[in-house]
Amino acid sequence: MLTGKQKRFLRSKAHHLNPIFQVGKGGVNENMIGHIADALEARELLKVSILQNCDEDRDTVAARLTKGTKAELVQVIGNTIVLYKESRENKQLMLPKVK
């Protein structure tokens, strides 16, 4: 689990990112979860945008993505979800230490 300080750090890092995935009418599916998991391995931190025509609410989408990708939910703001997962091969972000 991420601490408040770590989430603040990740939010500041995610601020300038553009969403690279969009959840639309079809909602969240296994194929999308696989692609997002691969992108998290490469980038560690990413944004997912929820389109207007999505049938599921944003909290449901966020819960399904975090569970499916085994990532941490950094924040849900508007129709954007920020996800973080520490990369095994491609470590880029150094989180603030937990005391």
C-alpha atoms as a PDB file:
ATOM      1  CA  MET A   1       0.000   0.000   0.000  1.00  0.00           C
ATOM      2  CA  LEU A   2       1.139   3.527  -0.793  1.00  0.00           C
ATOM      3  CA  THR A   3       1.423   6.149   1.927  1.00  0.00           C
ATOM      4  CA  GLY A   4      -0.083   9.628   1.554  1.00  0.00           C
ATOM      5  CA  LYS A   5       3.376  11.079   0.947  1.00  0.00           C
ATOM      6  CA  GLN A   6       4.082   8.526  -1.811  1.00  0.00           C
ATOM      7  CA  LYS A   7       0.699   9.227  -3.440  1.00  0.00           C
ATOM      8  CA  ARG A   8       1.435  12.970  -3.419  1.00  0.00           C
ATOM      9  CA  PHE A   9       4.802  12.291  -5.043  1.00  0.00           C
ATOM     10  CA  LEU A  10       3.193  10.099  -7.723  1.00  0.00           C
ATOM     11  CA  ARG A  11       0.424  12.639  -8.373  1.00  0.00           C
ATOM     12  CA  SER A  12       3.057  15.308  -8.996  1.00  0.00           C
ATOM     13  CA  LYS A  13       4.885  12.985 -11.414  1.00  0.00           C
ATOM     14  CA  ALA A  14       1.634  12.077 -13.215  1.00  0.00           C
ATOM     15  CA  HIS A  15       0.451  15.653 -13.579  1.00  0.00           C
ATOM     16  CA  HIS A  16       2.141  16.238 -16.962  1.00  0.00           C
ATOM     17  CA  LEU A  17       1.252  12.799 -18.395  1.00  0.00           C
ATOM     18  CA  ASN A  18      -1.424  12.334 -21.026  1.00  0.00           C
ATOM     19  CA  PRO A  19      -3.834   9.393 -20.765  1.00  0.00           C
ATOM     20  CA  ILE A  20      -2.614   6.537 -22.974  1.00  0.00           C
ATOM     21  CA  PHE A  21      -5.693   4.323 -22.579  1.00  0.00           C
ATOM     22  CA  GLN A  22      -9.381   5.105 -22.893  1.00  0.00           C
ATOM     23  CA  VAL A  23     -12.266   3.131 -21.411  1.00  0.00           C
ATOM     24  CA  GLY A  24     -15.331   3.489 -23.616  1.00  0.00           C
ATOM     25  CA  LYS A  25     -18.656   1.822 -24.293  1.00  0.00           C
ATOM     26  CA  GLY A  26     -17.290  -1.709 -23.886  1.00  0.00           C
ATOM     27  CA  GLY A  27     -16.006  -0.996 -20.384  1.00  0.00           C
ATOM     28  CA  VAL A  28     -13.000  -2.868 -19.000  1.00  0.00           C
ATOM     29  CA  ASN A  29     -12.092  -6.212 -20.606  1.00  0.00           C
ATOM     30  CA  GLU A  30      -9.287  -8.762 -20.248  1.00  0.00           C
ATOM     31  CA  ASN A  31      -7.529  -7.530 -23.386  1.00  0.00           C
ATOM     32  CA  MET A  32      -7.412  -3.957 -22.083  1.00  0.00           C
ATOM     33  CA  ILE A  33      -6.165  -5.130 -18.671  1.00  0.00           C
ATOM     34  CA  GLY A  34      -3.332  -7.028 -20.405  1.00  0.00           C
ATOM     35  CA  HIS A  35      -2.270  -3.979 -22.407  1.00  0.00           C
ATOM     36  CA  ILE A  36      -2.396  -1.699 -19.360  1.00  0.00           C
ATOM     37  CA  ALA A  37      -0.358  -4.213 -17.335  1.00  0.00           C
ATOM     38  CA  ASP A  38       2.303  -4.263 -20.093  1.00  0.00           C
ATOM     39  CA  ALA A  39       2.368  -0.459 -20.220  1.00  0.00           C
ATOM     40  CA  LEU A  40       2.711  -0.288 -16.416  1.00  0.00           C
ATOM     41  CA  GLU A  41       5.703  -2.631 -16.593  1.00  0.00           C
ATOM     42  CA  ALA A  42       7.314  -0.267 -19.112  1.00  0.00           C
ATOM     43  CA  ARG A  43       6.314   3.071 -17.529  1.00  0.00           C
ATOM     44  CA  GLU A  44       5.330   2.381 -13.879  1.00  0.00           C
ATOM     45  CA  LEU A  45       2.939   5.373 -13.844  1.00  0.00           C
ATOM     46  CA  LEU A  46       0.134   6.082 -16.297  1.00  0.00           C
ATOM     47  CA  LYS A  47      -3.231   7.703 -16.789  1.00  0.00           C
ATOM     48  CA  VAL A  48      -6.405   6.080 -18.086  1.00  0.00           C
ATOM     49  CA  SER A  49      -9.237   8.223 -19.400  1.00  0.00           C
ATOM     50  CA  ILE A  50     -12.902   7.249 -19.022  1.00  0.00           C
ATOM     51  CA  LEU A  51     -15.003   8.347 -21.984  1.00  0.00           C
ATOM     52  CA  GLN A  52     -18.503   9.823 -21.724  1.00  0.00           C
ATOM     53  CA  ASN A  53     -20.100   6.726 -23.294  1.00  0.00           C
ATOM     54  CA  CYS A  54     -18.663   4.295 -20.723  1.00  0.00           C
ATOM     55  CA  ASP A  55     -21.458   2.270 -19.067  1.00  0.00           C
ATOM     56  CA  GLU A  56     -19.562   1.708 -15.783  1.00  0.00           C
ATOM     57  CA  ASP A  57     -18.941   4.422 -13.209  1.00  0.00           C
ATOM     58  CA  ARG A  58     -15.384   5.615 -12.641  1.00  0.00           C
ATOM     59  CA  ASP A  59     -14.951   3.919  -9.256  1.00  0.00           C
ATOM     60  CA  THR A  60     -15.943   0.538 -10.734  1.00  0.00           C
ATOM     61  CA  VAL A  61     -13.538   1.030 -13.644  1.00  0.00           C
ATOM     62  CA  ALA A  62     -10.731   2.026 -11.231  1.00  0.00           C
ATOM     63  CA  ALA A  63     -11.381  -1.009  -9.000  1.00  0.00           C
ATOM     64  CA  ARG A  64     -11.402  -3.424 -11.956  1.00  0.00           C
ATOM     65  CA  LEU A  65      -8.189  -1.979 -13.410  1.00  0.00           C
ATOM     66  CA  THR A  66      -6.295  -2.038 -10.100  1.00  0.00           C
ATOM     67  CA  LYS A  67      -7.418  -5.599  -9.360  1.00  0.00           C
ATOM     68  CA  GLY A  68      -6.732  -6.853 -12.899  1.00  0.00           C
ATOM     69  CA  THR A  69      -3.289  -5.257 -13.246  1.00  0.00           C
ATOM     70  CA  LYS A  70      -2.347  -5.646  -9.541  1.00  0.00           C
ATOM     71  CA  ALA A  71      -1.470  -1.929  -9.572  1.00  0.00           C
ATOM     72  CA  GLU A  72      -1.938   0.768  -6.962  1.00  0.00           C
ATOM     73  CA  LEU A  73      -4.632   3.383  -7.460  1.00  0.00           C
ATOM     74  CA  VAL A  74      -2.957   6.775  -7.040  1.00  0.00           C
ATOM     75  CA  GLN A  75      -6.040   8.876  -7.706  1.00  0.00           C
ATOM     76  CA  VAL A  76      -9.303   9.253  -9.584  1.00  0.00           C
ATOM     77  CA  ILE A  77      -9.853  12.830 -10.674  1.00  0.00           C
ATOM     78  CA  GLY A  78     -12.692  13.750 -12.996  1.00  0.00           C
ATOM     79  CA  ASN A  79     -12.753  11.030 -15.634  1.00  0.00           C
ATOM     80  CA  THR A  80      -9.059  10.210 -15.297  1.00  0.00           C
ATOM     81  CA  ILE A  81      -7.527   7.364 -13.291  1.00  0.00           C
ATOM     82  CA  VAL A  82      -3.846   7.383 -12.283  1.00  0.00           C
ATOM     83  CA  LEU A  83      -2.255   3.954 -11.757  1.00  0.00           C
ATOM     84  CA  TYR A  84       1.170   2.979 -10.402  1.00  0.00           C
ATOM     85  CA  LYS A  85       2.924  -0.356 -10.360  1.00  0.00           C
ATOM     86  CA  GLU A  86       6.591  -0.843  -9.576  1.00  0.00           C
ATOM     87  CA  SER A  87       8.381  -2.292 -12.589  1.00  0.00           C
ATOM     88  CA  ARG A  88      10.457  -5.444 -12.220  1.00  0.00           C
ATOM     89  CA  GLU A  89      12.764  -4.801 -15.207  1.00  0.00           C
ATOM     90  CA  ASN A  90      12.478  -1.101 -15.870  1.00  0.00           C
ATOM     91  CA  LYS A  91      12.566   0.764 -12.523  1.00  0.00           C
ATOM     92  CA  GLN A  92      12.329   4.526 -13.091  1.00  0.00           C
ATOM     93  CA  LEU A  93      10.635   6.128 -10.089  1.00  0.00           C
ATOM     94  CA  MET A  94      12.135   6.211  -6.605  1.00  0.00           C
ATOM     95  CA  LEU A  95       9.312   6.587  -4.098  1.00  0.00           C
ATOM     96  CA  PRO A  96       9.846   8.513  -0.869  1.00  0.00           C
ATOM     97  CA  LYS A  97      10.818   6.112   1.920  1.00  0.00           C
ATOM     98  CA  VAL A  98       8.246   4.946   4.461  1.00  0.00           C
ATOM     99  CA  LYS A  99       9.254   5.768   8.019  1.00  0.00           C
END
